[in-house]
C-alpha atoms as a PDB file:
ATOM      1  CA  MET A   1     -13.255   8.870  35.421  1.00  0.00           C
ATOM      2  CA  LYS A   2     -14.234   4.708  34.453  1.00  0.00           C
ATOM      3  CA  ARG A   3     -16.351   6.064  32.562  1.00  0.00           C
ATOM      4  CA  LEU A   4     -13.561   8.366  30.356  1.00  0.00           C
ATOM      5  CA  ILE A   5     -11.241   5.136  30.133  1.00  0.00           C
ATOM      6  CA  LEU A   6     -13.082   2.188  29.090  1.00  0.00           C
ATOM      7  CA  PRO A   7     -14.264   4.179  25.024  1.00  0.00           C
ATOM      8  CA  LEU A   8     -10.667   5.258  25.301  1.00  0.00           C
ATOM      9  CA  ALA A   9      -9.165   1.837  25.612  1.00  0.00           C
ATOM     10  CA  ALA A  10     -11.294   1.121  22.895  1.00  0.00           C
ATOM     11  CA  LEU A  11     -10.632   3.489  20.396  1.00  0.00           C
ATOM     12  CA  MET A  12      -6.932   3.125  20.737  1.00  0.00           C
ATOM     13  CA  ALA A  13      -7.684  -0.888  19.913  1.00  0.00           C
ATOM     14  CA  ALA A  14      -9.471   0.432  17.207  1.00  0.00           C
ATOM     15  CA  THR A  15      -6.335   2.580  15.131  1.00  0.00           C
ATOM     16  CA  PRO A  16      -4.112   0.498  14.536  1.00  0.00           C
ATOM     17  CA  ALA A  17      -0.237   1.313  15.563  1.00  0.00           C
ATOM     18  CA  GLY A  18       1.409   0.907  12.115  1.00  0.00           C
ATOM     19  CA  ALA A  19      -1.455   2.081   9.810  1.00  0.00           C
ATOM     20  CA  VAL A  20      -0.184   2.202   6.041  1.00  0.00           C
ATOM     21  CA  GLN A  21      -0.870   5.473   4.163  1.00  0.00           C
ATOM     22  CA  THR A  22      -2.637   5.606   1.623  1.00  0.00           C
ATOM     23  CA  TYR A  23      -0.931   7.781  -1.945  1.00  0.00           C
ATOM     24  CA  ASP A  24      -2.737   8.738  -4.308  1.00  0.00           C
ATOM     25  CA  ILE A  25       0.402   8.755  -7.459  1.00  0.00           C
ATOM     26  CA  GLY A  26      -2.100   9.329 -10.878  1.00  0.00           C
ATOM     27  CA  ASN A  27       0.228  12.277 -10.389  1.00  0.00           C
ATOM     28  CA  MET A  28       3.362  10.883  -9.405  1.00  0.00           C
ATOM     29  CA  SER A  29       6.778   9.855 -11.564  1.00  0.00           C
ATOM     30  CA  CYS A  30       7.907   6.381 -11.313  1.00  0.00           C
ATOM     31  CA  SER A  31      10.842   7.529  -9.454  1.00  0.00           C
ATOM     32  CA  GLN A  32       8.646   9.353  -6.388  1.00  0.00           C
ATOM     33  CA  VAL A  33       6.433   6.242  -6.124  1.00  0.00           C
ATOM     34  CA  GLN A  34       9.422   4.130  -5.709  1.00  0.00           C
ATOM     35  CA  ALA A  35      10.951   5.952  -3.215  1.00  0.00           C
ATOM     36  CA  ILE A  36       7.998   6.435  -0.355  1.00  0.00           C
ATOM     37  CA  VAL A  37       7.158   2.651  -1.284  1.00  0.00           C
ATOM     38  CA  GLN A  38      10.682   1.907   0.006  1.00  0.00           C
ATOM     39  CA  ARG A  39      10.871   4.667   2.587  1.00  0.00           C
ATOM     40  CA  ASP A  40       7.848   3.814   4.355  1.00  0.00           C
ATOM     41  CA  GLY A  41       8.496  -0.377   3.951  1.00  0.00           C
ATOM     42  CA  VAL A  42       4.742  -0.932   3.347  1.00  0.00           C
ATOM     43  CA  ALA A  43       2.201   1.835   1.435  1.00  0.00           C
ATOM     44  CA  GLN A  44      -1.386   2.040  -0.190  1.00  0.00           C
ATOM     45  CA  LEU A  45      -1.216   3.185  -3.935  1.00  0.00           C
ATOM     46  CA  ARG A  46      -4.146   4.610  -5.392  1.00  0.00           C
ATOM     47  CA  TYR A  47      -4.061   4.944  -9.242  1.00  0.00           C
ATOM     48  CA  ASN A  48      -7.318   5.578 -11.698  1.00  0.00           C
ATOM     49  CA  SER A  49      -8.415   1.630 -13.618  1.00  0.00           C
ATOM     50  CA  LYS A  50      -6.788   1.839 -17.242  1.00  0.00           C
ATOM     51  CA  SER A  51     -10.051   0.098 -18.084  1.00  0.00           C
ATOM     52  CA  ASN A  52     -12.085   3.302 -16.887  1.00  0.00           C
ATOM     53  CA  PRO A  53     -10.910   5.521 -14.934  1.00  0.00           C
ATOM     54  CA  SER A  54     -13.767   6.587 -12.712  1.00  0.00           C
ATOM     55  CA  VAL A  55     -12.797   3.448 -10.911  1.00  0.00           C
ATOM     56  CA  PRO A  56     -10.111   4.280  -8.722  1.00  0.00           C
ATOM     57  CA  ILE A  57      -7.633   1.168  -8.132  1.00  0.00           C
ATOM     58  CA  TYR A  58      -6.071   0.326  -4.147  1.00  0.00           C
ATOM     59  CA  ASN A  59      -3.266  -1.710  -3.116  1.00  0.00           C
ATOM     60  CA  ARG A  60      -0.977  -2.444  -1.355  1.00  0.00           C
ATOM     61  CA  TYR A  61       2.979  -2.310  -2.716  1.00  0.00           C
ATOM     62  CA  VAL A  62       6.272  -3.489   0.027  1.00  0.00           C
ATOM     63  CA  ALA A  63       9.873  -2.509  -0.478  1.00  0.00           C
ATOM     64  CA  GLY A  64      10.390  -6.035   0.091  1.00  0.00           C
ATOM     65  CA  SER A  65       9.573  -9.943   1.388  1.00  0.00           C
ATOM     66  CA  THR A  66      10.247  -8.825   5.135  1.00  0.00           C
ATOM     67  CA  HIS A  67       6.680  -6.622   4.666  1.00  0.00           C
ATOM     68  CA  CYS A  68       4.978 -10.009   3.321  1.00  0.00           C
ATOM     69  CA  GLY A  69       2.856 -12.636   5.798  1.00  0.00           C
ATOM     70  CA  SER A  70       5.248 -15.732   6.281  1.00  0.00           C
ATOM     71  CA  ARG A  71       2.900 -17.508   3.263  1.00  0.00           C
ATOM     72  CA  SER A  72       3.665 -14.613   0.665  1.00  0.00           C
ATOM     73  CA  ILE A  73       6.214 -13.487  -0.908  1.00  0.00           C
ATOM     74  CA  ALA A  74       7.266  -9.723  -2.850  1.00  0.00           C
ATOM     75  CA  ASN A  75       7.249  -9.987  -6.137  1.00  0.00           C
ATOM     76  CA  LEU A  76       7.123  -7.215  -8.708  1.00  0.00           C
ATOM     77  CA  ALA A  77       4.307  -5.823  -9.974  1.00  0.00           C
ATOM     78  CA  THR A  78       3.653  -2.522 -12.020  1.00  0.00           C
ATOM     79  CA  VAL A  79       1.998   0.530 -11.433  1.00  0.00           C
ATOM     80  CA  PRO A  80       0.648   3.822 -14.059  1.00  0.00           C
ATOM     81  CA  THR A  81       2.507   6.546 -12.789  1.00  0.00           C
ATOM     82  CA  ARG A  82       2.688  10.293 -14.863  1.00  0.00           C
ATOM     83  CA  ASP A  83       5.467   8.880 -16.780  1.00  0.00           C
ATOM     84  CA  ASN A  84       5.676   5.907 -16.523  1.00  0.00           C
ATOM     85  CA  PRO A  85       2.630   3.585 -17.374  1.00  0.00           C
ATOM     86  CA  SER A  86       4.359   0.123 -16.547  1.00  0.00           C
ATOM     87  CA  CYS A  87       6.512   1.991 -12.936  1.00  0.00           C
ATOM     88  CA  ARG A  88       8.097  -1.161 -11.419  1.00  0.00           C
ATOM     89  CA  VAL A  89       6.732  -1.742  -7.591  1.00  0.00           C
ATOM     90  CA  LYS A  90       6.231  -5.123  -5.348  1.00  0.00           C
ATOM     91  CA  ILE A  91       3.484  -6.704  -4.101  1.00  0.00           C
ATOM     92  CA  CYS A  92       2.992  -9.561  -1.511  1.00  0.00           C
ATOM     93  CA  LYS A  93       2.278 -12.977  -3.269  1.00  0.00           C
ATOM     94  CA  ARG A  94       0.743 -16.360  -1.009  1.00  0.00           C
ATOM     95  CA  PHE A  95       3.275 -19.407  -2.125  1.00  0.00           C
ATOM     96  CA  GLY A  96       1.451 -20.883  -5.063  1.00  0.00           C
ATOM     97  CA  ASP A  97      -1.015 -17.597  -5.998  1.00  0.00           C
ATOM     98  CA  ARG A  98      -0.174 -17.323  -9.761  1.00  0.00           C
END
């Protein structure tokens, strides 16, 4: 029984309790993306690079500053969606970062 408990405990510790969902937003509308971020609070969004469409871009987007670390704040950012090349979302930025 002890042989089973230790590996199971290690597996549970390796899995984050509040895992962030990743969304491929290439075929989503701006309103869909914004609704996902608002609903989830935090979401990892994936889209293809404008300069090299074969390169995927991933980043963490948030509904507001409460989802950022203690030395960070939510700032406006944009992501490309099916209907809007500059869909407005928020991303955490550390104080003093540009």
